[in-house]
Each structure stands twice: as C-alpha cells, then as structure tokens.
N, C-alpha and C. Protein backbone atom coordinates (compact mmCIF):
# COMPACT_ATOMS: atom_id res chain seq x y z
N GLN A 1 136.53 75.97 -58.33
CA GLN A 1 135.58 76.38 -57.31
C GLN A 1 135.41 77.88 -57.31
N VAL A 2 134.23 78.31 -56.96
CA VAL A 2 133.91 79.73 -56.84
C VAL A 2 133.40 79.98 -55.43
N GLN A 3 133.94 80.98 -54.79
CA GLN A 3 133.46 81.38 -53.47
C GLN A 3 132.66 82.67 -53.62
N LEU A 4 131.54 82.72 -52.93
CA LEU A 4 130.65 83.87 -52.99
C LEU A 4 130.43 84.42 -51.59
N LEU A 5 130.51 85.73 -51.46
CA LEU A 5 130.32 86.36 -50.16
C LEU A 5 129.35 87.51 -50.29
N GLU A 6 128.21 87.39 -49.63
CA GLU A 6 127.22 88.46 -49.64
C GLU A 6 127.49 89.46 -48.53
N SER A 7 127.07 90.68 -48.75
CA SER A 7 127.18 91.73 -47.73
C SER A 7 126.11 92.78 -47.99
N GLY A 8 125.91 93.64 -47.00
CA GLY A 8 124.99 94.75 -47.19
C GLY A 8 123.61 94.56 -46.61
N GLY A 9 123.34 93.40 -46.05
CA GLY A 9 122.04 93.19 -45.44
C GLY A 9 121.89 94.03 -44.19
N GLY A 10 120.67 94.07 -43.65
CA GLY A 10 120.45 94.83 -42.44
C GLY A 10 118.99 95.04 -42.18
N LEU A 11 118.71 95.98 -41.28
CA LEU A 11 117.35 96.31 -40.89
C LEU A 11 116.96 97.63 -41.54
N VAL A 12 115.78 97.65 -42.15
CA VAL A 12 115.31 98.85 -42.83
C VAL A 12 113.80 98.95 -42.64
N GLN A 13 113.30 100.17 -42.61
CA GLN A 13 111.86 100.36 -42.48
C GLN A 13 111.16 100.11 -43.81
N ALA A 14 109.93 99.73 -43.73
CA ALA A 14 109.13 99.54 -44.94
C ALA A 14 109.12 100.83 -45.75
N GLY A 15 109.28 100.66 -47.06
CA GLY A 15 109.37 101.81 -47.94
C GLY A 15 110.79 102.28 -48.18
N GLY A 16 111.72 101.77 -47.40
CA GLY A 16 113.11 102.16 -47.53
C GLY A 16 113.85 101.38 -48.59
N SER A 17 115.16 101.63 -48.66
CA SER A 17 116.00 101.00 -49.67
C SER A 17 117.22 100.35 -49.03
N LEU A 18 117.75 99.38 -49.73
CA LEU A 18 118.94 98.67 -49.27
C LEU A 18 119.63 98.08 -50.49
N ARG A 19 120.94 98.01 -50.47
CA ARG A 19 121.67 97.36 -51.55
C ARG A 19 122.53 96.25 -50.96
N VAL A 20 122.35 95.07 -51.49
CA VAL A 20 123.20 93.94 -51.10
C VAL A 20 124.16 93.63 -52.23
N SER A 21 125.34 93.14 -51.85
CA SER A 21 126.39 92.84 -52.81
C SER A 21 126.81 91.39 -52.68
N CYS A 22 127.40 90.89 -53.75
CA CYS A 22 127.91 89.52 -53.78
C CYS A 22 129.27 89.55 -54.46
N ALA A 23 130.31 89.30 -53.70
CA ALA A 23 131.66 89.30 -54.25
C ALA A 23 132.10 87.87 -54.53
N ALA A 24 132.59 87.64 -55.73
CA ALA A 24 133.03 86.30 -56.11
C ALA A 24 134.54 86.23 -56.11
N SER A 25 135.06 85.10 -55.73
CA SER A 25 136.50 84.85 -55.77
C SER A 25 136.74 83.40 -56.17
N GLY A 26 138.00 83.09 -56.40
CA GLY A 26 138.33 81.75 -56.84
C GLY A 26 138.33 81.67 -58.35
N ARG A 27 137.71 80.67 -58.89
CA ARG A 27 137.69 80.45 -60.32
C ARG A 27 136.64 81.35 -60.98
N THR A 28 136.94 82.63 -60.97
CA THR A 28 135.95 83.59 -61.47
C THR A 28 135.76 83.51 -62.97
N SER A 29 136.67 82.85 -63.67
CA SER A 29 136.47 82.67 -65.11
C SER A 29 135.26 81.80 -65.38
N ALA A 30 134.81 81.09 -64.33
CA ALA A 30 133.64 80.24 -64.48
C ALA A 30 132.34 81.00 -64.29
N LEU A 31 132.45 82.27 -63.90
CA LEU A 31 131.24 83.05 -63.67
C LEU A 31 130.46 83.19 -64.96
N SER A 32 129.18 82.94 -64.89
CA SER A 32 128.34 83.09 -66.07
C SER A 32 127.06 83.81 -65.63
N VAL A 33 126.01 83.08 -65.50
CA VAL A 33 124.78 83.67 -64.98
C VAL A 33 124.89 83.76 -63.47
N MET A 34 124.50 84.89 -62.93
CA MET A 34 124.47 85.06 -61.48
C MET A 34 123.05 85.41 -61.07
N GLY A 35 122.69 84.98 -59.89
CA GLY A 35 121.32 85.21 -59.46
C GLY A 35 121.20 85.47 -57.97
N TRP A 36 120.07 86.01 -57.61
CA TRP A 36 119.72 86.21 -56.20
C TRP A 36 118.49 85.36 -55.87
N PHE A 37 118.56 84.70 -54.75
CA PHE A 37 117.43 83.97 -54.20
C PHE A 37 117.22 84.46 -52.78
N ARG A 38 116.07 84.14 -52.22
CA ARG A 38 115.82 84.51 -50.83
C ARG A 38 114.99 83.42 -50.15
N GLN A 39 115.16 83.36 -48.84
CA GLN A 39 114.41 82.37 -48.08
C GLN A 39 113.94 83.00 -46.78
N ALA A 40 112.64 83.03 -46.61
CA ALA A 40 112.03 83.54 -45.39
C ALA A 40 111.80 82.38 -44.42
N PRO A 41 111.69 82.66 -43.15
CA PRO A 41 111.48 81.59 -42.16
C PRO A 41 110.24 80.76 -42.48
N GLY A 42 110.42 79.46 -42.51
CA GLY A 42 109.31 78.57 -42.76
C GLY A 42 108.89 78.45 -44.20
N LYS A 43 109.63 79.10 -45.09
CA LYS A 43 109.29 79.06 -46.51
C LYS A 43 110.44 78.48 -47.32
N GLU A 44 110.12 78.06 -48.54
CA GLU A 44 111.15 77.54 -49.42
C GLU A 44 111.96 78.69 -50.03
N ARG A 45 113.15 78.34 -50.46
CA ARG A 45 113.98 79.33 -51.13
C ARG A 45 113.32 79.70 -52.45
N GLU A 46 113.27 80.99 -52.76
CA GLU A 46 112.62 81.43 -53.98
C GLU A 46 113.53 82.34 -54.81
N PHE A 47 113.30 82.30 -56.09
CA PHE A 47 114.06 83.12 -57.04
C PHE A 47 113.69 84.58 -56.89
N VAL A 48 114.69 85.45 -56.98
CA VAL A 48 114.46 86.89 -56.93
C VAL A 48 114.82 87.54 -58.26
N ALA A 49 116.05 87.33 -58.71
CA ALA A 49 116.50 87.97 -59.95
C ALA A 49 117.74 87.26 -60.46
N ALA A 50 118.00 87.42 -61.76
CA ALA A 50 119.19 86.84 -62.36
C ALA A 50 119.71 87.77 -63.44
N ILE A 51 121.00 87.63 -63.73
CA ILE A 51 121.62 88.49 -64.74
C ILE A 51 122.64 87.66 -65.51
N GLY A 52 122.68 87.87 -66.81
CA GLY A 52 123.63 87.16 -67.65
C GLY A 52 124.99 87.82 -67.62
N TRP A 53 125.97 87.13 -68.23
CA TRP A 53 127.34 87.66 -68.25
C TRP A 53 127.41 89.02 -68.92
N SER A 54 126.64 89.22 -69.95
CA SER A 54 126.70 90.46 -70.72
C SER A 54 126.00 91.61 -70.02
N ARG A 55 125.31 91.34 -68.95
CA ARG A 55 124.59 92.34 -68.15
C ARG A 55 123.35 92.89 -68.84
N SER A 56 123.19 92.61 -70.11
CA SER A 56 122.03 93.14 -70.80
C SER A 56 120.81 92.25 -70.62
N ILE A 57 121.03 91.08 -70.11
CA ILE A 57 119.93 90.13 -69.91
C ILE A 57 119.65 90.03 -68.42
N THR A 58 118.43 90.36 -68.04
CA THR A 58 118.02 90.26 -66.65
C THR A 58 116.64 89.64 -66.55
N LEU A 59 116.36 89.09 -65.41
CA LEU A 59 115.06 88.46 -65.17
C LEU A 59 114.69 88.69 -63.72
N TYR A 60 113.43 88.99 -63.47
CA TYR A 60 112.97 89.27 -62.11
C TYR A 60 111.74 88.45 -61.77
N ALA A 61 111.62 88.13 -60.51
CA ALA A 61 110.37 87.55 -60.02
C ALA A 61 109.30 88.63 -60.06
N ASP A 62 108.08 88.25 -60.30
CA ASP A 62 106.99 89.22 -60.37
C ASP A 62 106.87 90.03 -59.07
N SER A 63 107.19 89.41 -57.96
CA SER A 63 107.01 90.06 -56.67
C SER A 63 107.97 91.23 -56.44
N VAL A 64 109.06 91.28 -57.20
CA VAL A 64 110.05 92.35 -57.00
C VAL A 64 110.20 93.23 -58.24
N LYS A 65 109.55 92.88 -59.32
CA LYS A 65 109.69 93.62 -60.57
C LYS A 65 109.26 95.07 -60.36
N GLY A 66 110.12 95.99 -60.82
CA GLY A 66 109.82 97.40 -60.66
C GLY A 66 110.34 98.00 -59.37
N ARG A 67 110.74 97.14 -58.43
CA ARG A 67 111.27 97.63 -57.15
C ARG A 67 112.74 97.27 -56.97
N PHE A 68 113.15 96.15 -57.48
CA PHE A 68 114.53 95.68 -57.34
C PHE A 68 115.26 95.80 -58.67
N THR A 69 116.56 96.06 -58.59
CA THR A 69 117.40 96.12 -59.79
C THR A 69 118.66 95.30 -59.56
N ILE A 70 118.90 94.35 -60.45
CA ILE A 70 120.10 93.54 -60.37
C ILE A 70 121.14 94.10 -61.33
N SER A 71 122.39 94.06 -60.91
CA SER A 71 123.48 94.54 -61.77
C SER A 71 124.75 93.78 -61.40
N ARG A 72 125.75 93.92 -62.23
CA ARG A 72 127.03 93.28 -61.94
C ARG A 72 128.16 94.09 -62.54
N ASP A 73 129.31 94.01 -61.91
CA ASP A 73 130.54 94.64 -62.40
C ASP A 73 131.53 93.51 -62.62
N ASN A 74 131.70 93.12 -63.86
CA ASN A 74 132.56 91.98 -64.16
C ASN A 74 134.03 92.27 -63.87
N THR A 75 134.43 93.53 -63.87
CA THR A 75 135.82 93.87 -63.56
C THR A 75 136.11 93.64 -62.08
N LYS A 76 135.06 93.68 -61.26
CA LYS A 76 135.22 93.47 -59.82
C LYS A 76 134.66 92.12 -59.37
N ASN A 77 134.15 91.36 -60.32
CA ASN A 77 133.53 90.06 -59.99
C ASN A 77 132.49 90.21 -58.89
N THR A 78 131.69 91.24 -59.01
CA THR A 78 130.71 91.57 -57.97
C THR A 78 129.33 91.79 -58.60
N MET A 79 128.33 91.28 -57.90
CA MET A 79 126.95 91.46 -58.32
C MET A 79 126.21 92.24 -57.24
N TYR A 80 125.22 93.00 -57.64
CA TYR A 80 124.48 93.83 -56.71
C TYR A 80 122.98 93.60 -56.85
N LEU A 81 122.27 93.91 -55.79
CA LEU A 81 120.81 93.93 -55.83
C LEU A 81 120.36 95.18 -55.10
N GLN A 82 119.89 96.15 -55.87
CA GLN A 82 119.36 97.38 -55.29
C GLN A 82 117.88 97.14 -55.01
N MET A 83 117.50 97.30 -53.77
CA MET A 83 116.12 97.03 -53.36
C MET A 83 115.47 98.33 -52.89
N ASN A 84 114.45 98.75 -53.59
CA ASN A 84 113.71 99.96 -53.24
C ASN A 84 112.28 99.62 -52.86
N SER A 85 111.62 100.56 -52.21
CA SER A 85 110.22 100.36 -51.80
C SER A 85 110.04 99.03 -51.10
N LEU A 86 110.91 98.76 -50.16
CA LEU A 86 110.90 97.47 -49.48
C LEU A 86 109.62 97.26 -48.69
N LYS A 87 109.17 96.01 -48.69
CA LYS A 87 107.96 95.62 -47.97
C LYS A 87 108.32 94.61 -46.88
N TYR A 88 107.43 94.49 -45.93
CA TYR A 88 107.66 93.54 -44.84
C TYR A 88 107.90 92.14 -45.39
N GLU A 89 107.17 91.80 -46.44
CA GLU A 89 107.29 90.45 -47.00
C GLU A 89 108.60 90.22 -47.75
N ASP A 90 109.43 91.26 -47.88
CA ASP A 90 110.76 91.07 -48.47
C ASP A 90 111.76 90.56 -47.43
N THR A 91 111.34 90.50 -46.19
CA THR A 91 112.22 90.01 -45.13
C THR A 91 112.62 88.57 -45.40
N ALA A 92 113.92 88.33 -45.43
CA ALA A 92 114.43 86.99 -45.75
C ALA A 92 115.95 87.01 -45.68
N VAL A 93 116.53 85.83 -45.77
CA VAL A 93 117.96 85.72 -46.01
C VAL A 93 118.14 85.71 -47.52
N TYR A 94 119.01 86.58 -48.00
CA TYR A 94 119.25 86.71 -49.43
C TYR A 94 120.56 86.01 -49.78
N TYR A 95 120.47 85.14 -50.78
CA TYR A 95 121.61 84.36 -51.22
C TYR A 95 121.98 84.71 -52.66
N CYS A 96 123.26 84.78 -52.94
CA CYS A 96 123.68 84.89 -54.33
C CYS A 96 124.14 83.53 -54.82
N ALA A 97 124.03 83.33 -56.10
CA ALA A 97 124.34 82.03 -56.67
C ALA A 97 124.89 82.19 -58.09
N VAL A 98 125.61 81.19 -58.53
CA VAL A 98 126.21 81.19 -59.86
C VAL A 98 125.79 79.95 -60.64
N ASP A 99 125.34 80.16 -61.83
CA ASP A 99 125.06 79.09 -62.77
C ASP A 99 126.15 79.15 -63.83
N ARG A 100 127.11 78.25 -63.77
CA ARG A 100 128.24 78.30 -64.69
C ARG A 100 127.96 77.62 -66.02
N THR A 101 126.80 76.98 -66.11
CA THR A 101 126.51 76.21 -67.32
C THR A 101 125.96 77.08 -68.44
N HIS A 102 125.15 78.04 -68.09
CA HIS A 102 124.49 78.86 -69.10
C HIS A 102 125.07 80.26 -69.11
N SER A 103 125.05 80.90 -70.25
CA SER A 103 125.56 82.26 -70.35
C SER A 103 124.46 83.26 -70.66
N SER A 104 123.46 82.84 -71.38
CA SER A 104 122.41 83.77 -71.78
C SER A 104 121.02 83.24 -71.48
N VAL A 105 120.93 82.10 -70.85
CA VAL A 105 119.64 81.55 -70.44
C VAL A 105 119.53 81.72 -68.94
N LEU A 106 118.54 82.47 -68.52
CA LEU A 106 118.39 82.76 -67.10
C LEU A 106 117.35 81.82 -66.51
N LEU A 107 117.79 81.04 -65.54
CA LEU A 107 116.94 80.03 -64.92
C LEU A 107 116.51 80.47 -63.54
N THR A 108 115.38 79.99 -63.11
CA THR A 108 114.81 80.44 -61.84
C THR A 108 114.75 79.35 -60.78
N THR A 109 115.26 78.18 -61.09
CA THR A 109 115.24 77.08 -60.13
C THR A 109 116.57 76.98 -59.42
N SER A 110 116.53 76.87 -58.11
CA SER A 110 117.77 76.88 -57.34
C SER A 110 118.69 75.72 -57.70
N SER A 111 118.14 74.60 -58.11
CA SER A 111 118.97 73.44 -58.44
C SER A 111 119.80 73.66 -59.70
N ASP A 112 119.50 74.68 -60.47
CA ASP A 112 120.27 74.99 -61.67
C ASP A 112 121.53 75.81 -61.36
N TYR A 113 121.69 76.22 -60.14
CA TYR A 113 122.84 77.04 -59.73
C TYR A 113 123.80 76.19 -58.91
N GLU A 114 125.08 76.24 -59.29
CA GLU A 114 126.07 75.35 -58.68
C GLU A 114 126.73 75.91 -57.44
N TYR A 115 126.95 77.19 -57.41
CA TYR A 115 127.67 77.80 -56.30
C TYR A 115 126.75 78.76 -55.54
N TRP A 116 126.92 78.76 -54.23
CA TRP A 116 126.07 79.56 -53.36
C TRP A 116 126.89 80.27 -52.29
N GLY A 117 126.42 81.47 -51.93
CA GLY A 117 126.99 82.16 -50.79
C GLY A 117 126.31 81.73 -49.51
N GLN A 118 126.76 82.30 -48.40
CA GLN A 118 126.22 81.94 -47.08
C GLN A 118 124.95 82.71 -46.76
N GLY A 119 124.70 83.79 -47.49
CA GLY A 119 123.48 84.56 -47.27
C GLY A 119 123.68 85.78 -46.39
N THR A 120 122.83 86.76 -46.60
CA THR A 120 122.82 87.96 -45.77
C THR A 120 121.37 88.27 -45.39
N GLN A 121 121.16 88.61 -44.14
CA GLN A 121 119.82 88.83 -43.63
C GLN A 121 119.32 90.22 -43.98
N VAL A 122 118.12 90.28 -44.54
CA VAL A 122 117.44 91.54 -44.79
C VAL A 122 116.14 91.51 -43.99
N THR A 123 115.99 92.49 -43.13
CA THR A 123 114.79 92.57 -42.30
C THR A 123 114.10 93.90 -42.55
N VAL A 124 112.83 93.84 -42.91
CA VAL A 124 112.05 95.04 -43.17
C VAL A 124 111.01 95.19 -42.06
N SER A 125 111.08 96.29 -41.37
CA SER A 125 110.15 96.51 -40.26
C SER A 125 108.96 97.35 -40.72
N THR A 126 107.83 97.13 -40.08
CA THR A 126 106.62 97.87 -40.45
C THR A 126 106.51 99.16 -39.64
C-alpha cells in the first residue's frame, strides 16, 4: 500500500502562485508514474499533469500548459506542482495519485491510477 498526503493548498489571488506537494509513504518502492488531478464543484475529476519515475517525462493538460510545472524528488518520495498565473477556473480540490503499473507511459484517466490522496483545496479569487 502507498499513502499519499497533499499539502500546500490555500487561497490566492488571480495571477498569483502556489505550490502544492504530495508526500508518499508506505510501499514507496511501488512508486512509478505520479500525477495530479483536480475536481471543481459540480464537475468531474480532471487530469492536470503527470510525471514519470525518471522525471524527464512529463505531461500536462492543455489548460495548464505553460503555467504549471510538475516535479518530483525521489529521494524524498515527494511530488510537487508549481502553479503560476493562477486563474479563477483553477479553483478545485487537487489530488495526487500514483500509477504503479507504468513507468514511462503517462496516462490521463483517473481509473489508471491506483492510489490517491485526500486532496488539498486551492481557491483562486478574482
């Protein structure tokens, strides 16, 4: 089992920046592809970004490309999402997830990820 704990969410003005983190514990040897998803009120959970074990492979949703940066520190079993130029529509609960099956194939469907954190709220005010 892998436990994931997100942190760093909060309230920020539009145009501002925020960094959320995801710390993994437990069977961290199972960590492979890690990803961020988000869910806004009344909407389905959507893919934000993913990163492979080697950190050289990343994938972003079109809506955040150029504004968000995903990274990970394998020595700390921690993944990050740096969010810049935040918009009101970025408001959501942000979840981190682990896909232990793939190492270099980055998937964007939530059902492909086996482990999930509880989420951290990001609110962008206008």
